N, C-alpha and C. Protein backbone atom coordinates (compact mmCIF):
# COMPACT_ATOMS: atom_id res chain seq x y z
N MET A 1 -16.98 1.84 -20.06
CA MET A 1 -16.50 3.11 -19.51
C MET A 1 -15.69 2.84 -18.24
N ARG A 2 -14.46 3.40 -18.17
CA ARG A 2 -13.62 3.19 -17.01
C ARG A 2 -14.08 4.12 -15.89
N ASN A 3 -14.66 3.56 -14.83
CA ASN A 3 -15.14 4.41 -13.74
C ASN A 3 -14.81 3.86 -12.36
N HIS A 4 -13.89 2.87 -12.30
CA HIS A 4 -13.45 2.32 -11.02
C HIS A 4 -11.94 2.49 -10.90
N LEU A 5 -11.50 3.18 -9.87
CA LEU A 5 -10.07 3.38 -9.63
C LEU A 5 -9.66 2.61 -8.38
N ILE A 6 -8.72 1.68 -8.55
CA ILE A 6 -8.23 0.87 -7.45
C ILE A 6 -6.80 1.32 -7.14
N PHE A 7 -6.56 1.73 -5.91
CA PHE A 7 -5.27 2.28 -5.52
C PHE A 7 -4.50 1.34 -4.61
N ASP A 8 -3.21 1.20 -4.88
CA ASP A 8 -2.28 0.75 -3.87
C ASP A 8 -2.25 1.86 -2.81
N LEU A 9 -1.65 1.60 -1.65
CA LEU A 9 -1.67 2.62 -0.60
C LEU A 9 -0.29 3.21 -0.32
N ASP A 10 0.59 2.41 0.27
CA ASP A 10 1.94 2.91 0.60
C ASP A 10 2.70 3.28 -0.67
N GLY A 11 3.25 4.48 -0.68
CA GLY A 11 4.02 4.93 -1.84
C GLY A 11 3.16 5.44 -2.97
N THR A 12 1.85 5.35 -2.81
CA THR A 12 0.92 5.82 -3.85
C THR A 12 0.08 6.98 -3.34
N LEU A 13 -0.56 6.80 -2.19
CA LEU A 13 -1.35 7.87 -1.57
C LEU A 13 -0.73 8.37 -0.28
N ILE A 14 -0.01 7.49 0.42
CA ILE A 14 0.58 7.87 1.71
C ILE A 14 2.05 7.47 1.77
N ASP A 15 2.77 8.17 2.66
CA ASP A 15 4.14 7.83 3.01
C ASP A 15 4.09 7.26 4.42
N SER A 16 4.16 5.95 4.54
CA SER A 16 4.05 5.31 5.85
C SER A 16 5.41 5.05 6.48
N ALA A 17 6.50 5.50 5.82
CA ALA A 17 7.83 5.24 6.36
C ALA A 17 7.99 5.75 7.79
N PRO A 18 7.61 7.00 8.11
CA PRO A 18 7.78 7.47 9.50
C PRO A 18 7.04 6.60 10.51
N SER A 19 5.84 6.17 10.17
CA SER A 19 5.06 5.36 11.10
C SER A 19 5.66 3.97 11.29
N ILE A 20 6.09 3.35 10.21
CA ILE A 20 6.67 2.01 10.30
C ILE A 20 8.00 2.04 11.06
N LEU A 21 8.84 3.01 10.75
CA LEU A 21 10.15 3.10 11.40
C LEU A 21 10.01 3.43 12.88
N THR A 22 9.02 4.26 13.22
CA THR A 22 8.75 4.55 14.63
C THR A 22 8.39 3.27 15.38
N SER A 23 7.57 2.44 14.78
CA SER A 23 7.15 1.20 15.43
C SER A 23 8.28 0.19 15.51
N TYR A 24 9.15 0.15 14.49
CA TYR A 24 10.32 -0.72 14.57
C TYR A 24 11.22 -0.28 15.73
N ALA A 25 11.45 1.02 15.84
CA ALA A 25 12.31 1.53 16.90
C ALA A 25 11.74 1.19 18.28
N HIS A 26 10.45 1.39 18.45
CA HIS A 26 9.80 1.07 19.72
C HIS A 26 9.90 -0.42 20.03
N THR A 27 9.69 -1.25 19.01
CA THR A 27 9.73 -2.70 19.19
C THR A 27 11.08 -3.17 19.70
N PHE A 28 12.14 -2.72 19.06
CA PHE A 28 13.48 -3.16 19.46
C PHE A 28 13.87 -2.60 20.83
N ALA A 29 13.48 -1.35 21.08
CA ALA A 29 13.78 -0.77 22.39
C ALA A 29 13.07 -1.52 23.51
N SER A 30 11.85 -1.97 23.24
CA SER A 30 11.06 -2.65 24.27
C SER A 30 11.68 -3.99 24.67
N MET A 31 12.51 -4.56 23.80
CA MET A 31 13.16 -5.83 24.11
C MET A 31 14.65 -5.67 24.35
N GLY A 32 15.12 -4.43 24.36
CA GLY A 32 16.53 -4.18 24.62
C GLY A 32 17.45 -4.71 23.56
N ILE A 33 16.96 -4.74 22.33
CA ILE A 33 17.75 -5.23 21.20
C ILE A 33 18.12 -4.07 20.30
N ALA A 34 19.40 -3.97 19.95
CA ALA A 34 19.85 -2.92 19.04
C ALA A 34 19.78 -3.43 17.60
N PRO A 35 19.09 -2.72 16.69
CA PRO A 35 19.06 -3.15 15.29
C PRO A 35 20.47 -3.26 14.71
N LYS A 36 20.66 -4.26 13.87
CA LYS A 36 21.97 -4.49 13.27
C LYS A 36 22.25 -3.55 12.10
N ILE A 37 21.20 -2.99 11.53
CA ILE A 37 21.35 -2.04 10.43
C ILE A 37 20.48 -0.82 10.72
N PRO A 38 20.80 0.33 10.12
CA PRO A 38 20.04 1.55 10.40
C PRO A 38 18.56 1.41 10.02
N LEU A 39 17.71 2.04 10.81
CA LEU A 39 16.27 2.05 10.53
C LEU A 39 15.97 3.18 9.55
N THR A 40 16.08 2.86 8.27
CA THR A 40 15.79 3.82 7.21
C THR A 40 14.69 3.24 6.32
N SER A 41 14.21 4.06 5.40
CA SER A 41 13.13 3.62 4.51
C SER A 41 13.54 2.44 3.64
N GLU A 42 14.84 2.16 3.54
CA GLU A 42 15.30 1.05 2.71
C GLU A 42 14.87 -0.31 3.27
N VAL A 43 14.52 -0.35 4.57
CA VAL A 43 14.12 -1.63 5.16
C VAL A 43 12.63 -1.91 4.94
N ILE A 44 11.90 -0.93 4.42
CA ILE A 44 10.45 -1.07 4.24
C ILE A 44 10.15 -1.81 2.95
N GLY A 45 9.21 -2.75 3.02
CA GLY A 45 8.79 -3.44 1.81
C GLY A 45 8.64 -4.93 1.99
N PRO A 46 9.72 -5.65 2.42
CA PRO A 46 9.60 -7.10 2.59
C PRO A 46 8.63 -7.46 3.71
N PRO A 47 8.21 -8.73 3.76
CA PRO A 47 7.32 -9.18 4.84
C PRO A 47 7.91 -8.89 6.22
N LEU A 48 7.03 -8.73 7.20
CA LEU A 48 7.43 -8.31 8.54
C LEU A 48 8.46 -9.25 9.16
N MET A 49 8.20 -10.54 9.15
CA MET A 49 9.11 -11.49 9.80
C MET A 49 10.49 -11.47 9.15
N GLN A 50 10.50 -11.35 7.84
CA GLN A 50 11.77 -11.30 7.10
C GLN A 50 12.55 -10.05 7.49
N THR A 51 11.87 -8.93 7.60
CA THR A 51 12.53 -7.68 7.96
C THR A 51 13.04 -7.73 9.39
N LEU A 52 12.23 -8.28 10.30
CA LEU A 52 12.66 -8.37 11.70
C LEU A 52 13.89 -9.26 11.85
N ALA A 53 13.95 -10.34 11.08
CA ALA A 53 15.12 -11.21 11.13
C ALA A 53 16.36 -10.47 10.64
N LYS A 54 16.20 -9.70 9.59
CA LYS A 54 17.31 -8.94 9.04
C LYS A 54 17.77 -7.86 10.00
N LEU A 55 16.82 -7.16 10.60
CA LEU A 55 17.16 -6.06 11.51
C LEU A 55 17.78 -6.57 12.80
N SER A 56 17.30 -7.69 13.29
CA SER A 56 17.75 -8.19 14.59
C SER A 56 18.96 -9.11 14.51
N GLY A 57 19.13 -9.78 13.36
CA GLY A 57 20.18 -10.78 13.25
C GLY A 57 19.84 -12.04 14.03
N ILE A 58 18.56 -12.19 14.40
CA ILE A 58 18.09 -13.30 15.21
C ILE A 58 17.36 -14.31 14.33
N GLU A 59 17.62 -15.60 14.58
CA GLU A 59 16.95 -16.66 13.83
C GLU A 59 15.90 -17.39 14.66
N ASP A 60 15.92 -17.19 15.96
CA ASP A 60 14.98 -17.87 16.85
C ASP A 60 13.55 -17.45 16.52
N LEU A 61 12.72 -18.41 16.07
CA LEU A 61 11.38 -18.09 15.60
C LEU A 61 10.51 -17.51 16.70
N GLU A 62 10.65 -17.98 17.93
CA GLU A 62 9.81 -17.50 19.01
C GLU A 62 10.13 -16.04 19.34
N ILE A 63 11.40 -15.69 19.30
CA ILE A 63 11.78 -14.29 19.55
C ILE A 63 11.25 -13.41 18.42
N LEU A 64 11.35 -13.88 17.19
CA LEU A 64 10.86 -13.11 16.05
C LEU A 64 9.35 -12.93 16.13
N LYS A 65 8.63 -13.97 16.58
CA LYS A 65 7.18 -13.85 16.76
C LYS A 65 6.85 -12.81 17.81
N ASP A 66 7.65 -12.77 18.88
CA ASP A 66 7.45 -11.77 19.94
C ASP A 66 7.67 -10.37 19.37
N LEU A 67 8.74 -10.20 18.60
CA LEU A 67 9.02 -8.91 17.97
C LEU A 67 7.87 -8.51 17.06
N ALA A 68 7.37 -9.46 16.28
CA ALA A 68 6.28 -9.16 15.34
C ALA A 68 5.03 -8.71 16.08
N GLN A 69 4.70 -9.41 17.18
CA GLN A 69 3.51 -9.04 17.95
C GLN A 69 3.66 -7.66 18.56
N ARG A 70 4.85 -7.35 19.06
CA ARG A 70 5.09 -6.02 19.63
C ARG A 70 4.99 -4.93 18.57
N PHE A 71 5.53 -5.23 17.38
CA PHE A 71 5.45 -4.26 16.29
C PHE A 71 3.99 -4.00 15.93
N LYS A 72 3.22 -5.07 15.73
CA LYS A 72 1.82 -4.92 15.33
C LYS A 72 1.04 -4.14 16.38
N SER A 73 1.27 -4.46 17.66
CA SER A 73 0.55 -3.79 18.74
C SER A 73 0.83 -2.29 18.73
N HIS A 74 2.11 -1.91 18.58
CA HIS A 74 2.45 -0.49 18.59
C HIS A 74 1.95 0.20 17.33
N TYR A 75 2.14 -0.44 16.19
CA TYR A 75 1.73 0.19 14.93
C TYR A 75 0.23 0.39 14.88
N ASP A 76 -0.52 -0.59 15.35
CA ASP A 76 -1.98 -0.53 15.27
C ASP A 76 -2.57 0.48 16.26
N THR A 77 -1.86 0.76 17.36
CA THR A 77 -2.41 1.68 18.36
C THR A 77 -1.84 3.09 18.24
N GLU A 78 -0.55 3.21 17.95
CA GLU A 78 0.10 4.53 17.94
C GLU A 78 0.87 4.83 16.66
N GLY A 79 1.66 3.87 16.20
CA GLY A 79 2.56 4.12 15.08
C GLY A 79 1.88 4.61 13.83
N HIS A 80 0.71 4.05 13.50
CA HIS A 80 0.02 4.42 12.25
C HIS A 80 -0.35 5.90 12.21
N LYS A 81 -0.41 6.53 13.37
CA LYS A 81 -0.79 7.95 13.43
C LYS A 81 0.31 8.85 12.87
N GLN A 82 1.51 8.29 12.67
CA GLN A 82 2.62 9.07 12.10
C GLN A 82 2.62 9.05 10.57
N THR A 83 1.62 8.42 9.99
CA THR A 83 1.51 8.35 8.53
C THR A 83 1.44 9.74 7.91
N LEU A 84 2.18 9.94 6.83
CA LEU A 84 2.17 11.20 6.10
C LEU A 84 1.37 11.02 4.80
N VAL A 85 0.75 12.10 4.37
CA VAL A 85 -0.03 12.10 3.14
C VAL A 85 0.76 12.84 2.06
N TYR A 86 0.84 12.27 0.87
CA TYR A 86 1.51 12.98 -0.22
C TYR A 86 0.74 14.26 -0.55
N ALA A 87 1.49 15.32 -0.80
CA ALA A 87 0.88 16.62 -1.07
C ALA A 87 -0.14 16.53 -2.19
N GLY A 88 -1.33 17.01 -1.91
CA GLY A 88 -2.39 17.03 -2.92
C GLY A 88 -3.22 15.76 -3.00
N ALA A 89 -2.87 14.74 -2.21
CA ALA A 89 -3.56 13.45 -2.35
C ALA A 89 -5.04 13.54 -1.96
N GLU A 90 -5.33 14.24 -0.88
CA GLU A 90 -6.74 14.30 -0.47
C GLU A 90 -7.59 15.06 -1.48
N GLN A 91 -7.08 16.18 -1.97
CA GLN A 91 -7.83 16.92 -2.98
C GLN A 91 -8.01 16.09 -4.24
N PHE A 92 -6.99 15.31 -4.58
CA PHE A 92 -7.08 14.42 -5.74
C PHE A 92 -8.22 13.43 -5.56
N LEU A 93 -8.32 12.83 -4.37
CA LEU A 93 -9.40 11.87 -4.10
C LEU A 93 -10.76 12.55 -4.19
N LYS A 94 -10.87 13.73 -3.62
CA LYS A 94 -12.13 14.48 -3.68
C LYS A 94 -12.53 14.74 -5.12
N THR A 95 -11.55 15.14 -5.93
CA THR A 95 -11.82 15.47 -7.32
C THR A 95 -12.30 14.26 -8.10
N GLN A 96 -11.65 13.12 -7.90
CA GLN A 96 -12.03 11.92 -8.65
C GLN A 96 -13.39 11.41 -8.20
N GLN A 97 -13.67 11.49 -6.92
CA GLN A 97 -14.98 11.07 -6.43
C GLN A 97 -16.07 11.97 -7.00
N ALA A 98 -15.82 13.28 -7.00
CA ALA A 98 -16.80 14.23 -7.54
C ALA A 98 -17.02 14.03 -9.03
N ALA A 99 -16.00 13.50 -9.71
CA ALA A 99 -16.10 13.26 -11.15
C ALA A 99 -16.86 11.98 -11.47
N GLY A 100 -17.22 11.22 -10.42
CA GLY A 100 -18.02 10.03 -10.64
C GLY A 100 -17.28 8.71 -10.55
N PHE A 101 -15.99 8.75 -10.23
CA PHE A 101 -15.23 7.52 -10.08
C PHE A 101 -15.57 6.85 -8.75
N GLU A 102 -15.64 5.52 -8.77
CA GLU A 102 -15.71 4.73 -7.53
C GLU A 102 -14.26 4.40 -7.15
N LEU A 103 -13.90 4.66 -5.89
CA LEU A 103 -12.52 4.50 -5.45
C LEU A 103 -12.39 3.32 -4.49
N TYR A 104 -11.27 2.61 -4.61
CA TYR A 104 -11.01 1.45 -3.75
C TYR A 104 -9.53 1.42 -3.37
N ILE A 105 -9.23 0.77 -2.25
CA ILE A 105 -7.86 0.49 -1.83
C ILE A 105 -7.61 -1.00 -1.95
N ALA A 106 -6.46 -1.39 -2.52
CA ALA A 106 -6.03 -2.79 -2.57
C ALA A 106 -4.55 -2.81 -2.20
N THR A 107 -4.24 -3.21 -0.97
CA THR A 107 -2.89 -3.06 -0.43
C THR A 107 -2.35 -4.34 0.18
N ASN A 108 -1.02 -4.43 0.25
CA ASN A 108 -0.36 -5.52 0.97
C ASN A 108 -0.40 -5.30 2.48
N LYS A 109 -0.64 -4.06 2.90
CA LYS A 109 -0.67 -3.74 4.32
C LYS A 109 -1.81 -4.51 4.99
N ARG A 110 -1.64 -4.88 6.25
CA ARG A 110 -2.71 -5.58 6.95
C ARG A 110 -3.98 -4.72 7.00
N HIS A 111 -5.13 -5.39 7.02
CA HIS A 111 -6.39 -4.67 6.90
C HIS A 111 -6.67 -3.81 8.13
N VAL A 112 -6.38 -4.30 9.33
CA VAL A 112 -6.69 -3.54 10.55
C VAL A 112 -6.01 -2.17 10.55
N PRO A 113 -4.68 -2.09 10.39
CA PRO A 113 -4.08 -0.75 10.37
C PRO A 113 -4.46 0.08 9.15
N THR A 114 -4.76 -0.59 8.04
CA THR A 114 -5.20 0.16 6.85
C THR A 114 -6.48 0.93 7.15
N VAL A 115 -7.44 0.25 7.76
CA VAL A 115 -8.71 0.91 8.11
C VAL A 115 -8.45 2.01 9.15
N LYS A 116 -7.57 1.74 10.11
CA LYS A 116 -7.28 2.75 11.13
C LYS A 116 -6.64 3.98 10.52
N ILE A 117 -5.78 3.79 9.54
CA ILE A 117 -5.16 4.93 8.84
C ILE A 117 -6.23 5.73 8.10
N MET A 118 -7.12 5.04 7.41
CA MET A 118 -8.20 5.72 6.69
C MET A 118 -9.06 6.54 7.66
N GLN A 119 -9.35 5.97 8.82
CA GLN A 119 -10.15 6.67 9.82
C GLN A 119 -9.38 7.86 10.40
N HIS A 120 -8.10 7.66 10.68
CA HIS A 120 -7.26 8.73 11.23
C HIS A 120 -7.17 9.91 10.27
N LEU A 121 -7.09 9.62 8.98
CA LEU A 121 -6.98 10.67 7.96
C LEU A 121 -8.33 11.25 7.56
N GLY A 122 -9.41 10.59 7.97
CA GLY A 122 -10.74 11.02 7.55
C GLY A 122 -11.03 10.67 6.11
N TRP A 123 -10.45 9.58 5.63
CA TRP A 123 -10.55 9.22 4.22
C TRP A 123 -11.58 8.14 3.93
N THR A 124 -12.21 7.57 4.94
CA THR A 124 -13.15 6.47 4.66
C THR A 124 -14.29 6.92 3.75
N GLN A 125 -14.60 8.21 3.78
CA GLN A 125 -15.69 8.75 2.96
C GLN A 125 -15.41 8.65 1.46
N TYR A 126 -14.15 8.51 1.09
CA TYR A 126 -13.80 8.52 -0.32
C TYR A 126 -13.83 7.14 -0.96
N PHE A 127 -13.78 6.09 -0.15
CA PHE A 127 -13.57 4.75 -0.71
C PHE A 127 -14.80 3.85 -0.57
N SER A 128 -15.14 3.20 -1.66
CA SER A 128 -16.26 2.26 -1.67
C SER A 128 -15.84 0.90 -1.13
N GLY A 129 -14.54 0.64 -1.03
CA GLY A 129 -14.04 -0.62 -0.49
C GLY A 129 -12.59 -0.49 -0.11
N ILE A 130 -12.20 -1.10 1.01
CA ILE A 130 -10.82 -1.10 1.47
C ILE A 130 -10.40 -2.56 1.62
N PHE A 131 -9.49 -3.01 0.76
CA PHE A 131 -9.13 -4.42 0.69
C PHE A 131 -7.64 -4.62 0.98
N ALA A 132 -7.35 -5.72 1.64
CA ALA A 132 -5.98 -6.12 1.95
C ALA A 132 -5.87 -7.62 1.78
N LEU A 133 -4.65 -8.14 1.74
CA LEU A 133 -4.49 -9.58 1.57
C LEU A 133 -5.22 -10.34 2.67
N ASP A 134 -5.14 -9.83 3.92
CA ASP A 134 -5.77 -10.54 5.03
C ASP A 134 -7.21 -10.10 5.29
N TYR A 135 -7.77 -9.34 4.35
CA TYR A 135 -9.20 -9.04 4.42
C TYR A 135 -9.99 -10.31 4.21
N TYR A 136 -9.38 -11.22 3.46
CA TYR A 136 -10.03 -12.48 3.10
C TYR A 136 -9.57 -13.61 4.03
N THR A 137 -10.41 -14.64 4.14
CA THR A 137 -10.07 -15.83 4.91
C THR A 137 -10.25 -17.06 4.02
N PRO A 138 -9.15 -17.79 3.75
CA PRO A 138 -7.78 -17.48 4.16
C PRO A 138 -7.24 -16.27 3.40
N ALA A 139 -6.15 -15.71 3.91
CA ALA A 139 -5.58 -14.53 3.29
C ALA A 139 -5.10 -14.83 1.88
N MET A 140 -5.20 -13.83 1.02
CA MET A 140 -4.71 -13.97 -0.34
C MET A 140 -3.18 -14.08 -0.35
N ALA A 141 -2.65 -14.83 -1.29
CA ALA A 141 -1.21 -15.05 -1.35
C ALA A 141 -0.48 -13.86 -1.94
N ASN A 142 -1.16 -13.08 -2.80
CA ASN A 142 -0.49 -11.96 -3.47
C ASN A 142 -1.53 -11.00 -4.02
N LYS A 143 -1.06 -9.88 -4.55
CA LYS A 143 -1.97 -8.86 -5.07
C LYS A 143 -2.74 -9.33 -6.30
N GLY A 144 -2.12 -10.16 -7.10
CA GLY A 144 -2.82 -10.66 -8.28
C GLY A 144 -4.10 -11.38 -7.89
N GLN A 145 -3.99 -12.26 -6.89
CA GLN A 145 -5.17 -12.98 -6.41
C GLN A 145 -6.19 -12.01 -5.81
N MET A 146 -5.68 -11.04 -5.05
CA MET A 146 -6.58 -10.09 -4.41
C MET A 146 -7.36 -9.28 -5.44
N LEU A 147 -6.69 -8.77 -6.46
CA LEU A 147 -7.37 -8.00 -7.49
C LEU A 147 -8.42 -8.85 -8.21
N SER A 148 -8.09 -10.12 -8.46
CA SER A 148 -9.04 -11.02 -9.11
C SER A 148 -10.30 -11.16 -8.27
N GLN A 149 -10.12 -11.31 -6.96
CA GLN A 149 -11.27 -11.49 -6.07
C GLN A 149 -12.10 -10.21 -5.99
N ILE A 150 -11.42 -9.07 -5.94
CA ILE A 150 -12.14 -7.79 -5.88
C ILE A 150 -13.02 -7.62 -7.12
N LEU A 151 -12.43 -7.83 -8.29
CA LEU A 151 -13.17 -7.67 -9.54
C LEU A 151 -14.36 -8.63 -9.59
N SER A 152 -14.14 -9.86 -9.14
CA SER A 152 -15.21 -10.86 -9.15
C SER A 152 -16.32 -10.50 -8.17
N ASP A 153 -15.93 -10.16 -6.93
CA ASP A 153 -16.93 -9.87 -5.90
C ASP A 153 -17.77 -8.65 -6.24
N LEU A 154 -17.15 -7.65 -6.85
CA LEU A 154 -17.85 -6.40 -7.15
C LEU A 154 -18.42 -6.39 -8.57
N ASN A 155 -18.20 -7.49 -9.30
CA ASN A 155 -18.72 -7.61 -10.67
C ASN A 155 -18.23 -6.45 -11.54
N ILE A 156 -16.92 -6.18 -11.46
CA ILE A 156 -16.30 -5.12 -12.24
C ILE A 156 -15.52 -5.74 -13.40
N ALA A 157 -15.80 -5.32 -14.60
CA ALA A 157 -15.03 -5.78 -15.75
C ALA A 157 -13.68 -5.08 -15.75
N PRO A 158 -12.58 -5.81 -16.02
CA PRO A 158 -11.25 -5.17 -16.01
C PRO A 158 -11.16 -3.92 -16.88
N LYS A 159 -11.86 -3.90 -18.01
CA LYS A 159 -11.80 -2.75 -18.91
C LYS A 159 -12.44 -1.51 -18.29
N ASP A 160 -13.24 -1.72 -17.24
CA ASP A 160 -13.94 -0.60 -16.60
C ASP A 160 -13.20 -0.09 -15.37
N ALA A 161 -11.98 -0.59 -15.15
CA ALA A 161 -11.25 -0.23 -13.94
C ALA A 161 -9.80 0.09 -14.28
N LEU A 162 -9.09 0.61 -13.28
CA LEU A 162 -7.68 0.96 -13.41
C LEU A 162 -7.02 0.71 -12.07
N TYR A 163 -5.84 0.07 -12.09
CA TYR A 163 -5.07 -0.10 -10.86
C TYR A 163 -3.91 0.88 -10.89
N ILE A 164 -3.67 1.53 -9.75
CA ILE A 164 -2.65 2.58 -9.65
C ILE A 164 -1.71 2.22 -8.51
N GLY A 165 -0.41 2.07 -8.81
CA GLY A 165 0.55 1.69 -7.78
C GLY A 165 1.95 2.17 -8.11
N ASP A 166 2.87 1.96 -7.15
CA ASP A 166 4.23 2.49 -7.32
C ASP A 166 5.28 1.40 -7.49
N ARG A 167 4.85 0.14 -7.64
CA ARG A 167 5.83 -0.93 -7.75
C ARG A 167 5.60 -1.77 -9.01
N TYR A 168 6.69 -2.32 -9.50
CA TYR A 168 6.62 -3.19 -10.67
C TYR A 168 5.66 -4.35 -10.40
N GLU A 169 5.71 -4.90 -9.19
CA GLU A 169 4.83 -6.02 -8.85
C GLU A 169 3.36 -5.63 -8.93
N ASP A 170 3.05 -4.35 -8.70
CA ASP A 170 1.68 -3.89 -8.84
C ASP A 170 1.23 -4.02 -10.30
N GLY A 171 2.13 -3.66 -11.20
CA GLY A 171 1.82 -3.78 -12.62
C GLY A 171 1.61 -5.21 -13.05
N ILE A 172 2.44 -6.11 -12.53
CA ILE A 172 2.30 -7.53 -12.86
C ILE A 172 0.98 -8.06 -12.34
N ALA A 173 0.60 -7.65 -11.12
CA ALA A 173 -0.67 -8.09 -10.54
C ALA A 173 -1.84 -7.62 -11.40
N ALA A 174 -1.74 -6.38 -11.90
CA ALA A 174 -2.78 -5.86 -12.78
C ALA A 174 -2.83 -6.65 -14.09
N GLU A 175 -1.65 -6.91 -14.67
CA GLU A 175 -1.59 -7.66 -15.92
C GLU A 175 -2.23 -9.04 -15.79
N GLN A 176 -2.04 -9.68 -14.64
CA GLN A 176 -2.59 -11.01 -14.43
C GLN A 176 -4.12 -11.00 -14.50
N ASN A 177 -4.70 -9.82 -14.37
CA ASN A 177 -6.16 -9.69 -14.39
C ASN A 177 -6.66 -8.86 -15.57
N ASP A 178 -5.78 -8.67 -16.59
CA ASP A 178 -6.13 -7.86 -17.76
C ASP A 178 -6.62 -6.47 -17.35
N LEU A 179 -6.03 -5.96 -16.27
CA LEU A 179 -6.45 -4.69 -15.68
C LEU A 179 -5.47 -3.59 -16.09
N PRO A 180 -5.94 -2.53 -16.73
CA PRO A 180 -5.04 -1.42 -17.08
C PRO A 180 -4.33 -0.91 -15.83
N PHE A 181 -3.09 -0.43 -16.01
CA PHE A 181 -2.25 -0.07 -14.86
C PHE A 181 -1.53 1.25 -15.09
N VAL A 182 -1.42 2.03 -14.01
CA VAL A 182 -0.60 3.25 -14.01
C VAL A 182 0.48 3.08 -12.95
N LEU A 183 1.74 3.24 -13.34
CA LEU A 183 2.87 3.20 -12.41
C LEU A 183 3.25 4.63 -12.06
N VAL A 184 3.19 4.96 -10.75
CA VAL A 184 3.52 6.31 -10.31
C VAL A 184 4.92 6.32 -9.70
N SER A 185 5.60 7.46 -9.82
CA SER A 185 7.01 7.51 -9.43
C SER A 185 7.29 8.45 -8.27
N TRP A 186 6.25 8.90 -7.56
CA TRP A 186 6.53 9.80 -6.42
C TRP A 186 6.70 9.04 -5.12
N GLY A 187 6.52 7.71 -5.13
CA GLY A 187 6.60 6.94 -3.91
C GLY A 187 7.99 6.43 -3.60
N TYR A 188 8.06 5.23 -2.99
CA TYR A 188 9.34 4.68 -2.55
C TYR A 188 10.17 4.11 -3.67
N PHE A 189 9.53 3.71 -4.75
CA PHE A 189 10.21 2.91 -5.76
C PHE A 189 10.27 3.61 -7.11
N ASN A 190 10.63 4.90 -7.08
CA ASN A 190 10.61 5.64 -8.33
C ASN A 190 11.63 5.12 -9.34
N GLU A 191 12.63 4.35 -8.87
CA GLU A 191 13.58 3.78 -9.82
C GLU A 191 12.91 2.71 -10.68
N GLU A 192 11.77 2.21 -10.22
CA GLU A 192 11.08 1.16 -10.98
C GLU A 192 10.39 1.72 -12.22
N ILE A 193 10.33 3.04 -12.33
CA ILE A 193 9.74 3.65 -13.52
C ILE A 193 10.53 3.23 -14.76
N ALA A 194 11.84 2.97 -14.57
CA ALA A 194 12.68 2.56 -15.70
C ALA A 194 12.34 1.15 -16.17
N GLN A 195 11.69 0.37 -15.30
CA GLN A 195 11.32 -1.00 -15.66
C GLN A 195 9.91 -1.10 -16.23
N ALA A 196 9.22 0.04 -16.29
CA ALA A 196 7.82 0.03 -16.71
C ALA A 196 7.68 -0.56 -18.11
N LYS A 197 6.68 -1.37 -18.29
CA LYS A 197 6.40 -1.93 -19.60
C LYS A 197 5.77 -0.87 -20.49
N ALA A 198 5.96 -1.02 -21.77
CA ALA A 198 5.51 -0.01 -22.72
C ALA A 198 4.01 0.22 -22.66
N GLU A 199 3.27 -0.83 -22.32
CA GLU A 199 1.81 -0.70 -22.30
C GLU A 199 1.30 -0.07 -21.01
N TRP A 200 2.19 0.15 -20.03
CA TRP A 200 1.77 0.80 -18.80
C TRP A 200 1.87 2.31 -18.95
N LYS A 201 0.93 3.00 -18.40
CA LYS A 201 1.03 4.45 -18.30
C LYS A 201 1.89 4.78 -17.08
N THR A 202 2.77 5.77 -17.19
CA THR A 202 3.58 6.19 -16.06
C THR A 202 3.30 7.66 -15.77
N CYS A 203 3.24 8.00 -14.47
CA CYS A 203 2.97 9.37 -14.06
C CYS A 203 3.92 9.77 -12.94
N ALA A 204 4.48 10.97 -13.04
CA ALA A 204 5.42 11.45 -12.04
C ALA A 204 4.76 12.33 -10.99
N THR A 205 3.54 12.78 -11.24
CA THR A 205 2.83 13.66 -10.30
C THR A 205 1.35 13.30 -10.27
N LEU A 206 0.70 13.70 -9.20
CA LEU A 206 -0.74 13.52 -9.12
C LEU A 206 -1.46 14.33 -10.19
N ALA A 207 -0.93 15.49 -10.50
CA ALA A 207 -1.53 16.32 -11.54
C ALA A 207 -1.51 15.59 -12.88
N ALA A 208 -0.39 14.93 -13.18
CA ALA A 208 -0.29 14.18 -14.43
C ALA A 208 -1.27 13.01 -14.44
N LEU A 209 -1.42 12.36 -13.29
CA LEU A 209 -2.37 11.27 -13.18
C LEU A 209 -3.80 11.78 -13.41
N GLY A 210 -4.13 12.92 -12.82
CA GLY A 210 -5.45 13.51 -13.02
C GLY A 210 -5.70 13.84 -14.47
N ASP A 211 -4.70 14.40 -15.14
CA ASP A 211 -4.84 14.73 -16.56
C ASP A 211 -5.10 13.47 -17.38
N TYR A 212 -4.42 12.40 -17.05
CA TYR A 212 -4.60 11.13 -17.77
C TYR A 212 -6.01 10.59 -17.58
N LEU A 213 -6.51 10.66 -16.35
CA LEU A 213 -7.84 10.13 -16.07
C LEU A 213 -8.93 10.89 -16.79
N HIS A 214 -8.71 12.18 -17.00
CA HIS A 214 -9.77 13.02 -17.56
C HIS A 214 -9.52 13.40 -19.02
N ALA A 215 -8.49 12.79 -19.60
CA ALA A 215 -8.19 13.09 -21.01
C ALA A 215 -9.34 12.58 -21.89
């Protein structure tokens, strides 16, 4: 019986673009550096150091490390509070929990701000586990490894769980663990719905996802 729902976070339950872009803006202003390209949602996704190099046009590793530390400090203390919730997401979580599902987060976002976001939103009550790549020591290399560890640690059979995310890579990570997957299209990467594999379920709304879960 499928009774474990594992969620990606950014682009699936929350819109973190305003919070991330606010922290990028603060970081560059604090060092008197003007970004080389506009701070839009298009810059969100790649690893932090890679994005900072692209935004700054700087190759000096020490300067990039300074930028990264400033970004993390601002995001972890203030920036994360600008996180937006997709309409209906909290009620959706309440409904699934009440229906008997165990809920988990498995995200690429660092664990510290992920927990702070959950606390800020009052969402810790909904999740039985909040996992990130750096939740583990050493940190997991990718989501596929992280999902494998989660399933192993919690003794969850893949057939009894479902991974829900908004990126093609989320689906691949699920496939690597024989884990059923739902690709949602309301997040940042809705164009990836066209790349969805035939065996993946795709949903354009939370209502459609709820209908699928309870069919």
